[in-house]
N, C-alpha and C. Protein backbone atom coordinates (compact mmCIF):
# COMPACT_ATOMS: atom_id res chain seq x y z
N MET A 1 -59.86 4.34 77.73
CA MET A 1 -58.90 5.34 78.12
C MET A 1 -59.52 6.72 77.87
N SER A 2 -59.22 7.65 78.75
CA SER A 2 -59.83 8.98 78.64
C SER A 2 -59.23 9.75 77.47
N PRO A 3 -59.98 10.65 76.88
CA PRO A 3 -59.48 11.43 75.75
C PRO A 3 -58.28 12.31 76.12
N ASN A 4 -58.22 12.78 77.35
CA ASN A 4 -57.08 13.60 77.77
C ASN A 4 -55.79 12.79 77.77
N ILE A 5 -55.85 11.59 78.28
CA ILE A 5 -54.67 10.73 78.32
C ILE A 5 -54.26 10.34 76.89
N THR A 6 -55.24 10.06 76.04
CA THR A 6 -54.95 9.72 74.64
C THR A 6 -54.25 10.89 73.95
N ALA A 7 -54.74 12.11 74.19
CA ALA A 7 -54.12 13.31 73.59
C ALA A 7 -52.69 13.47 74.09
N GLU A 8 -52.47 13.22 75.38
CA GLU A 8 -51.12 13.33 75.94
C GLU A 8 -50.19 12.27 75.35
N LEU A 9 -50.72 11.06 75.15
CA LEU A 9 -49.90 10.01 74.53
C LEU A 9 -49.54 10.35 73.09
N TYR A 10 -50.50 10.92 72.35
CA TYR A 10 -50.20 11.38 70.99
C TYR A 10 -49.13 12.46 71.01
N PHE A 11 -49.26 13.37 71.96
CA PHE A 11 -48.27 14.44 72.10
C PHE A 11 -46.89 13.87 72.42
N LEU A 12 -46.84 12.89 73.30
CA LEU A 12 -45.57 12.23 73.63
C LEU A 12 -44.99 11.53 72.40
N PHE A 13 -45.84 10.85 71.65
CA PHE A 13 -45.38 10.16 70.44
C PHE A 13 -44.88 11.15 69.40
N HIS A 14 -45.59 12.26 69.21
CA HIS A 14 -45.13 13.28 68.26
C HIS A 14 -43.83 13.93 68.72
N SER A 15 -43.67 14.10 70.02
CA SER A 15 -42.41 14.62 70.55
C SER A 15 -41.27 13.63 70.28
N PHE A 16 -41.56 12.36 70.45
CA PHE A 16 -40.58 11.30 70.16
C PHE A 16 -40.16 11.35 68.69
N LEU A 17 -41.15 11.46 67.80
CA LEU A 17 -40.85 11.55 66.36
C LEU A 17 -40.09 12.84 66.02
N MET A 18 -40.43 13.93 66.72
CA MET A 18 -39.73 15.19 66.50
C MET A 18 -38.26 15.05 66.89
N GLY A 19 -37.98 14.35 67.98
CA GLY A 19 -36.59 14.10 68.38
C GLY A 19 -35.84 13.32 67.31
N ILE A 20 -36.50 12.32 66.74
CA ILE A 20 -35.88 11.56 65.66
C ILE A 20 -35.63 12.44 64.45
N LEU A 21 -36.62 13.25 64.07
CA LEU A 21 -36.49 14.13 62.91
C LEU A 21 -35.36 15.14 63.09
N ILE A 22 -35.26 15.72 64.27
CA ILE A 22 -34.20 16.69 64.54
C ILE A 22 -32.83 16.03 64.40
N THR A 23 -32.69 14.84 64.90
CA THR A 23 -31.41 14.14 64.83
C THR A 23 -31.09 13.72 63.40
N VAL A 24 -32.09 13.31 62.65
CA VAL A 24 -31.87 12.95 61.23
C VAL A 24 -31.42 14.18 60.45
N LEU A 25 -32.04 15.33 60.71
CA LEU A 25 -31.62 16.56 60.02
C LEU A 25 -30.16 16.90 60.32
N TYR A 26 -29.75 16.72 61.57
CA TYR A 26 -28.35 17.01 61.90
C TYR A 26 -27.41 15.99 61.25
N ASP A 27 -27.86 14.75 61.16
CA ASP A 27 -27.05 13.74 60.49
C ASP A 27 -26.89 14.05 59.01
N VAL A 28 -27.92 14.63 58.39
CA VAL A 28 -27.80 15.05 57.00
C VAL A 28 -26.72 16.14 56.89
N LEU A 29 -26.69 17.06 57.84
CA LEU A 29 -25.63 18.07 57.86
C LEU A 29 -24.26 17.42 58.02
N ARG A 30 -24.17 16.42 58.88
CA ARG A 30 -22.89 15.72 59.07
C ARG A 30 -22.45 15.02 57.80
N ILE A 31 -23.40 14.43 57.08
CA ILE A 31 -23.07 13.76 55.81
C ILE A 31 -22.56 14.78 54.80
N LEU A 32 -23.23 15.92 54.71
CA LEU A 32 -22.76 16.97 53.79
C LEU A 32 -21.36 17.46 54.15
N ARG A 33 -21.09 17.53 55.44
CA ARG A 33 -19.76 17.97 55.87
C ARG A 33 -18.69 16.92 55.58
N ARG A 34 -19.07 15.66 55.55
CA ARG A 34 -18.11 14.62 55.18
C ARG A 34 -17.83 14.65 53.69
N ILE A 35 -18.84 14.94 52.90
CA ILE A 35 -18.70 14.92 51.44
C ILE A 35 -18.00 16.19 50.96
N ILE A 36 -18.46 17.33 51.45
CA ILE A 36 -17.92 18.62 51.02
C ILE A 36 -17.24 19.27 52.23
N PRO A 37 -15.93 19.47 52.15
CA PRO A 37 -15.24 20.12 53.28
C PRO A 37 -15.76 21.54 53.50
N HIS A 38 -15.94 21.91 54.75
CA HIS A 38 -16.47 23.22 55.11
C HIS A 38 -15.46 23.97 55.97
N ASN A 39 -15.46 25.29 55.84
CA ASN A 39 -14.67 26.09 56.77
C ASN A 39 -15.53 26.43 57.98
N ILE A 40 -14.95 27.05 58.97
CA ILE A 40 -15.63 27.30 60.24
C ILE A 40 -16.82 28.24 60.05
N LEU A 41 -16.72 29.18 59.13
CA LEU A 41 -17.83 30.10 58.89
C LEU A 41 -19.04 29.37 58.31
N ALA A 42 -18.80 28.49 57.35
CA ALA A 42 -19.90 27.73 56.76
C ALA A 42 -20.53 26.80 57.79
N ILE A 43 -19.71 26.18 58.62
CA ILE A 43 -20.24 25.29 59.66
C ILE A 43 -21.09 26.08 60.65
N SER A 44 -20.62 27.25 61.04
CA SER A 44 -21.38 28.08 61.97
C SER A 44 -22.71 28.52 61.37
N LEU A 45 -22.69 28.91 60.11
CA LEU A 45 -23.92 29.32 59.43
C LEU A 45 -24.90 28.15 59.30
N GLU A 46 -24.38 26.98 58.95
CA GLU A 46 -25.24 25.80 58.86
C GLU A 46 -25.85 25.45 60.21
N ASP A 47 -25.05 25.50 61.25
CA ASP A 47 -25.56 25.20 62.59
C ASP A 47 -26.62 26.21 63.01
N PHE A 48 -26.40 27.48 62.71
CA PHE A 48 -27.40 28.50 63.05
C PHE A 48 -28.71 28.22 62.32
N LEU A 49 -28.63 27.95 61.02
CA LEU A 49 -29.84 27.65 60.25
C LEU A 49 -30.51 26.37 60.75
N TYR A 50 -29.70 25.38 61.11
CA TYR A 50 -30.25 24.13 61.64
C TYR A 50 -31.06 24.39 62.90
N TRP A 51 -30.47 25.14 63.83
CA TRP A 51 -31.17 25.39 65.09
C TRP A 51 -32.40 26.28 64.89
N ALA A 52 -32.34 27.19 63.93
CA ALA A 52 -33.51 28.01 63.62
C ALA A 52 -34.65 27.14 63.09
N VAL A 53 -34.33 26.23 62.17
CA VAL A 53 -35.35 25.33 61.62
C VAL A 53 -35.89 24.40 62.71
N CYS A 54 -35.01 23.87 63.54
CA CYS A 54 -35.44 22.97 64.62
C CYS A 54 -36.35 23.70 65.60
N SER A 55 -36.00 24.92 65.96
CA SER A 55 -36.85 25.66 66.90
C SER A 55 -38.22 25.94 66.30
N LEU A 56 -38.27 26.24 65.00
CA LEU A 56 -39.57 26.43 64.35
C LEU A 56 -40.38 25.15 64.32
N LEU A 57 -39.72 24.02 64.02
CA LEU A 57 -40.44 22.74 64.02
C LEU A 57 -40.99 22.41 65.40
N ILE A 58 -40.17 22.59 66.41
CA ILE A 58 -40.62 22.32 67.78
C ILE A 58 -41.76 23.26 68.17
N PHE A 59 -41.62 24.51 67.80
CA PHE A 59 -42.67 25.48 68.10
C PHE A 59 -43.99 25.07 67.45
N PHE A 60 -43.95 24.67 66.18
CA PHE A 60 -45.18 24.27 65.51
C PHE A 60 -45.80 23.02 66.13
N VAL A 61 -44.96 22.08 66.55
CA VAL A 61 -45.49 20.89 67.21
C VAL A 61 -46.13 21.28 68.54
N LEU A 62 -45.49 22.16 69.30
CA LEU A 62 -46.06 22.59 70.58
C LEU A 62 -47.37 23.34 70.38
N ILE A 63 -47.42 24.19 69.36
CA ILE A 63 -48.65 24.93 69.09
C ILE A 63 -49.76 23.98 68.65
N GLN A 64 -49.42 23.07 67.76
CA GLN A 64 -50.41 22.15 67.20
C GLN A 64 -50.94 21.18 68.25
N GLU A 65 -50.06 20.63 69.04
CA GLU A 65 -50.44 19.54 69.94
C GLU A 65 -50.85 19.99 71.33
N ASN A 66 -50.20 21.07 71.85
CA ASN A 66 -50.39 21.38 73.26
C ASN A 66 -50.63 22.87 73.51
N ASN A 67 -51.14 23.57 72.52
CA ASN A 67 -51.44 25.00 72.64
C ASN A 67 -50.22 25.83 73.06
N GLY A 68 -49.04 25.40 72.66
CA GLY A 68 -47.82 26.15 72.93
C GLY A 68 -47.23 25.95 74.31
N ILE A 69 -47.81 25.07 75.09
CA ILE A 69 -47.31 24.83 76.45
C ILE A 69 -46.23 23.76 76.40
N LEU A 70 -45.07 24.11 76.95
CA LEU A 70 -43.96 23.16 76.99
C LEU A 70 -44.15 22.24 78.18
N ARG A 71 -44.19 20.96 77.93
CA ARG A 71 -44.35 19.97 79.00
C ARG A 71 -43.07 19.16 79.09
N TRP A 72 -42.65 18.83 80.30
CA TRP A 72 -41.38 18.13 80.48
C TRP A 72 -41.40 16.74 79.88
N PHE A 73 -42.54 16.09 79.86
CA PHE A 73 -42.56 14.76 79.26
C PHE A 73 -42.40 14.84 77.74
N SER A 74 -42.75 16.00 77.13
CA SER A 74 -42.49 16.16 75.69
C SER A 74 -40.99 16.31 75.43
N VAL A 75 -40.30 17.03 76.33
CA VAL A 75 -38.84 17.15 76.22
C VAL A 75 -38.21 15.78 76.41
N ALA A 76 -38.71 15.02 77.39
CA ALA A 76 -38.19 13.67 77.62
C ALA A 76 -38.46 12.77 76.42
N GLY A 77 -39.63 12.91 75.81
CA GLY A 77 -39.95 12.13 74.62
C GLY A 77 -39.02 12.46 73.46
N ALA A 78 -38.75 13.76 73.26
CA ALA A 78 -37.83 14.17 72.19
C ALA A 78 -36.42 13.65 72.47
N LEU A 79 -35.98 13.74 73.70
CA LEU A 79 -34.65 13.21 74.06
C LEU A 79 -34.59 11.70 73.86
N ALA A 80 -35.68 11.02 74.20
CA ALA A 80 -35.72 9.56 74.01
C ALA A 80 -35.65 9.23 72.52
N GLY A 81 -36.35 9.99 71.69
CA GLY A 81 -36.29 9.76 70.24
C GLY A 81 -34.90 10.00 69.70
N MET A 82 -34.27 11.08 70.16
CA MET A 82 -32.89 11.37 69.73
C MET A 82 -31.95 10.24 70.14
N PHE A 83 -32.04 9.84 71.39
CA PHE A 83 -31.16 8.81 71.93
C PHE A 83 -31.36 7.48 71.21
N LEU A 84 -32.61 7.08 71.02
CA LEU A 84 -32.90 5.80 70.37
C LEU A 84 -32.40 5.80 68.92
N TYR A 85 -32.64 6.89 68.21
CA TYR A 85 -32.16 6.98 66.82
C TYR A 85 -30.64 6.93 66.78
N LYS A 86 -30.00 7.71 67.66
CA LYS A 86 -28.54 7.77 67.66
C LYS A 86 -27.91 6.41 67.93
N LYS A 87 -28.49 5.65 68.83
CA LYS A 87 -27.92 4.36 69.21
C LYS A 87 -28.27 3.24 68.24
N THR A 88 -29.26 3.44 67.39
CA THR A 88 -29.64 2.36 66.46
C THR A 88 -29.26 2.73 65.02
N LEU A 89 -30.04 3.55 64.39
CA LEU A 89 -29.83 3.85 62.97
C LEU A 89 -28.82 4.96 62.71
N GLY A 90 -28.65 5.86 63.65
CA GLY A 90 -27.81 7.05 63.43
C GLY A 90 -26.39 6.72 63.07
N ILE A 91 -25.81 5.75 63.75
CA ILE A 91 -24.42 5.37 63.50
C ILE A 91 -24.27 4.85 62.08
N LEU A 92 -25.16 3.99 61.69
CA LEU A 92 -25.09 3.39 60.36
C LEU A 92 -25.48 4.38 59.28
N PHE A 93 -26.45 5.24 59.56
CA PHE A 93 -26.95 6.17 58.56
C PHE A 93 -25.85 7.10 58.07
N VAL A 94 -25.14 7.74 58.96
CA VAL A 94 -24.09 8.69 58.57
C VAL A 94 -22.96 7.97 57.85
N LYS A 95 -22.52 6.87 58.40
CA LYS A 95 -21.37 6.16 57.84
C LYS A 95 -21.66 5.66 56.42
N TYR A 96 -22.75 4.93 56.27
CA TYR A 96 -23.00 4.29 54.98
C TYR A 96 -23.61 5.24 53.95
N THR A 97 -24.38 6.21 54.40
CA THR A 97 -24.93 7.18 53.44
C THR A 97 -23.83 8.05 52.86
N SER A 98 -22.89 8.49 53.69
CA SER A 98 -21.80 9.31 53.17
C SER A 98 -20.93 8.49 52.22
N ARG A 99 -20.69 7.22 52.54
CA ARG A 99 -19.93 6.36 51.63
C ARG A 99 -20.67 6.18 50.31
N LEU A 100 -21.97 5.93 50.39
CA LEU A 100 -22.77 5.73 49.19
C LEU A 100 -22.77 6.97 48.31
N VAL A 101 -22.96 8.13 48.92
CA VAL A 101 -22.99 9.37 48.15
C VAL A 101 -21.62 9.64 47.53
N CYS A 102 -20.54 9.38 48.26
CA CYS A 102 -19.20 9.56 47.71
C CYS A 102 -18.97 8.63 46.52
N LYS A 103 -19.40 7.39 46.65
CA LYS A 103 -19.24 6.45 45.54
C LYS A 103 -20.08 6.88 44.34
N LEU A 104 -21.31 7.33 44.59
CA LEU A 104 -22.14 7.80 43.49
C LEU A 104 -21.53 9.01 42.80
N LEU A 105 -20.99 9.94 43.58
CA LEU A 105 -20.33 11.10 42.99
C LEU A 105 -19.10 10.68 42.19
N HIS A 106 -18.38 9.68 42.69
CA HIS A 106 -17.22 9.17 41.96
C HIS A 106 -17.65 8.56 40.62
N ILE A 107 -18.72 7.78 40.65
CA ILE A 107 -19.23 7.16 39.42
C ILE A 107 -19.71 8.23 38.44
N VAL A 108 -20.43 9.21 38.94
CA VAL A 108 -20.90 10.30 38.07
C VAL A 108 -19.71 11.06 37.48
N GLY A 109 -18.69 11.29 38.30
CA GLY A 109 -17.49 11.97 37.81
C GLY A 109 -16.80 11.17 36.71
N ARG A 110 -16.71 9.86 36.89
CA ARG A 110 -16.09 9.03 35.86
C ARG A 110 -16.92 9.02 34.58
N LEU A 111 -18.25 8.95 34.73
CA LEU A 111 -19.12 8.98 33.55
C LEU A 111 -18.99 10.31 32.81
N LEU A 112 -18.94 11.40 33.56
CA LEU A 112 -18.75 12.70 32.92
C LEU A 112 -17.39 12.78 32.24
N ASN A 113 -16.38 12.22 32.88
CA ASN A 113 -15.05 12.19 32.28
C ASN A 113 -15.08 11.38 30.99
N LEU A 114 -15.75 10.24 31.02
CA LEU A 114 -15.88 9.42 29.83
C LEU A 114 -16.64 10.15 28.74
N PHE A 115 -17.69 10.86 29.14
CA PHE A 115 -18.51 11.60 28.18
C PHE A 115 -17.73 12.75 27.55
N PHE A 116 -16.92 13.45 28.35
CA PHE A 116 -16.20 14.61 27.87
C PHE A 116 -14.80 14.29 27.33
N ARG A 117 -14.37 13.04 27.42
CA ARG A 117 -13.04 12.68 26.93
C ARG A 117 -12.85 13.02 25.45
N PRO A 118 -13.81 12.69 24.55
CA PRO A 118 -13.61 13.08 23.15
C PRO A 118 -13.49 14.59 22.99
N LEU A 119 -14.27 15.34 23.73
CA LEU A 119 -14.18 16.80 23.66
C LEU A 119 -12.82 17.27 24.16
N ASN A 120 -12.32 16.65 25.22
CA ASN A 120 -10.99 17.00 25.72
C ASN A 120 -9.90 16.69 24.69
N LEU A 121 -10.03 15.54 24.02
CA LEU A 121 -9.05 15.20 22.99
C LEU A 121 -9.08 16.20 21.85
N VAL A 122 -10.27 16.60 21.42
CA VAL A 122 -10.40 17.60 20.34
C VAL A 122 -9.79 18.91 20.79
N CYS A 123 -10.08 19.33 22.01
CA CYS A 123 -9.51 20.58 22.53
C CYS A 123 -7.99 20.50 22.61
N LYS A 124 -7.48 19.36 23.04
CA LYS A 124 -6.03 19.18 23.13
C LYS A 124 -5.39 19.26 21.74
N HIS A 125 -6.03 18.59 20.78
CA HIS A 125 -5.52 18.62 19.41
C HIS A 125 -5.56 20.05 18.85
N MET A 126 -6.64 20.75 19.10
CA MET A 126 -6.77 22.14 18.62
C MET A 126 -5.72 23.03 19.28
N ASN A 127 -5.45 22.80 20.54
CA ASN A 127 -4.46 23.58 21.26
C ASN A 127 -3.06 23.34 20.69
N GLN A 128 -2.75 22.09 20.37
CA GLN A 128 -1.46 21.78 19.75
C GLN A 128 -1.34 22.46 18.39
N ARG A 129 -2.40 22.42 17.61
CA ARG A 129 -2.37 23.06 16.28
C ARG A 129 -2.24 24.57 16.43
N ARG A 130 -2.89 25.14 17.43
CA ARG A 130 -2.78 26.58 17.67
C ARG A 130 -1.35 26.94 18.04
N LYS A 131 -0.71 26.12 18.88
CA LYS A 131 0.67 26.39 19.26
C LYS A 131 1.60 26.31 18.06
N LYS A 132 1.38 25.28 17.21
CA LYS A 132 2.21 25.16 16.00
C LYS A 132 2.02 26.37 15.10
N SER A 133 0.78 26.79 14.93
CA SER A 133 0.51 27.96 14.08
C SER A 133 1.13 29.21 14.68
N ALA A 134 1.06 29.34 15.98
CA ALA A 134 1.66 30.50 16.64
C ALA A 134 3.17 30.48 16.46
N ASN A 135 3.78 29.31 16.57
CA ASN A 135 5.23 29.21 16.36
C ASN A 135 5.59 29.55 14.92
N ARG A 136 4.81 29.07 13.98
CA ARG A 136 5.07 29.40 12.56
C ARG A 136 4.93 30.90 12.33
N LEU A 137 3.93 31.50 12.93
CA LEU A 137 3.73 32.93 12.77
C LEU A 137 4.89 33.70 13.37
N LYS A 138 5.37 33.28 14.54
CA LYS A 138 6.53 33.93 15.16
C LYS A 138 7.75 33.84 14.25
N MET A 139 7.96 32.64 13.69
CA MET A 139 9.11 32.46 12.80
C MET A 139 8.98 33.36 11.57
N ALA A 140 7.77 33.41 11.02
CA ALA A 140 7.56 34.26 9.84
C ALA A 140 7.78 35.73 10.19
N LEU A 141 7.30 36.16 11.34
CA LEU A 141 7.51 37.55 11.75
C LEU A 141 8.99 37.85 11.99
N ARG A 142 9.72 36.90 12.51
CA ARG A 142 11.17 37.09 12.69
C ARG A 142 11.86 37.25 11.34
N ARG A 143 11.46 36.38 10.39
CA ARG A 143 12.06 36.49 9.05
C ARG A 143 11.75 37.84 8.41
N VAL A 144 10.49 38.28 8.55
CA VAL A 144 10.11 39.58 7.99
C VAL A 144 10.90 40.68 8.66
N LYS A 145 11.03 40.63 9.98
CA LYS A 145 11.77 41.64 10.71
C LYS A 145 13.23 41.66 10.28
N LYS A 146 13.79 40.46 10.11
CA LYS A 146 15.20 40.36 9.68
C LYS A 146 15.36 40.96 8.29
N LYS A 147 14.45 40.64 7.38
CA LYS A 147 14.52 41.18 6.02
C LYS A 147 14.38 42.69 6.04
N LEU A 148 13.41 43.20 6.86
CA LEU A 148 13.22 44.65 6.94
C LEU A 148 14.46 45.32 7.51
N THR A 149 15.07 44.70 8.50
CA THR A 149 16.29 45.26 9.09
C THR A 149 17.40 45.31 8.04
N GLU A 150 17.53 44.23 7.25
CA GLU A 150 18.55 44.21 6.19
C GLU A 150 18.27 45.29 5.15
N ARG A 151 17.00 45.44 4.77
CA ARG A 151 16.63 46.46 3.78
C ARG A 151 16.87 47.86 4.33
N LYS A 152 16.60 48.04 5.62
CA LYS A 152 16.82 49.34 6.24
C LYS A 152 18.29 49.69 6.23
N LYS A 153 19.14 48.70 6.54
CA LYS A 153 20.59 48.92 6.52
C LYS A 153 21.06 49.25 5.11
N LEU A 154 20.56 48.51 4.13
CA LEU A 154 20.93 48.79 2.74
C LEU A 154 20.48 50.18 2.32
N LEU A 155 19.29 50.58 2.76
CA LEU A 155 18.78 51.90 2.42
C LEU A 155 19.64 52.98 3.05
N ARG A 156 20.08 52.78 4.29
CA ARG A 156 20.97 53.76 4.94
C ARG A 156 22.31 53.88 4.18
N ILE A 157 22.82 52.70 3.84
CA ILE A 157 24.10 52.71 3.10
C ILE A 157 23.92 53.43 1.78
N PHE A 158 22.85 53.16 1.10
CA PHE A 158 22.58 53.79 -0.18
C PHE A 158 22.40 55.29 -0.02
N LEU A 159 21.68 55.71 1.02
CA LEU A 159 21.43 57.15 1.21
C LEU A 159 22.70 57.87 1.68
N THR A 160 23.56 57.21 2.42
CA THR A 160 24.77 57.89 2.87
C THR A 160 25.78 58.03 1.76
N LYS A 161 25.74 57.16 0.73
CA LYS A 161 26.66 57.26 -0.39
C LYS A 161 26.28 58.39 -1.31
N GLN A 162 25.07 58.78 -1.35
CA GLN A 162 24.65 59.82 -2.29
C GLN A 162 24.69 61.15 -1.69
């Protein structure tokens, strides 16, 4: 086989792999969106960054493989890679990876809860003691205020008699 045809086949294969890579990157974004809810601004920003990264990747592949010349069979190869990935692994990848990550986050959350439970109990106990102390202090201040009010009244009565 001639070296030109071999180079073109390598270029087609790299375009095919680039299509798969681009689709995998977008599926990673979809998984993140399933795990962490996003507002429209965050989604727009993510999509903009995604397309910027994809365009740079495609540009570097075109520069590296074909001196920057866009060939239609490379576009077809990338589309074929995207389509093949989407119809085979893409469906399963997003579904099961997002489930797995959610379950892992749930397990990590439970482990952290288990780890911090004694600290939470200590904090709860300290909070209860603080409330009791605050209530005792309020009661003591009320008693002092009542006594001072009584003494003030007695002092007025005493001063008005003289």
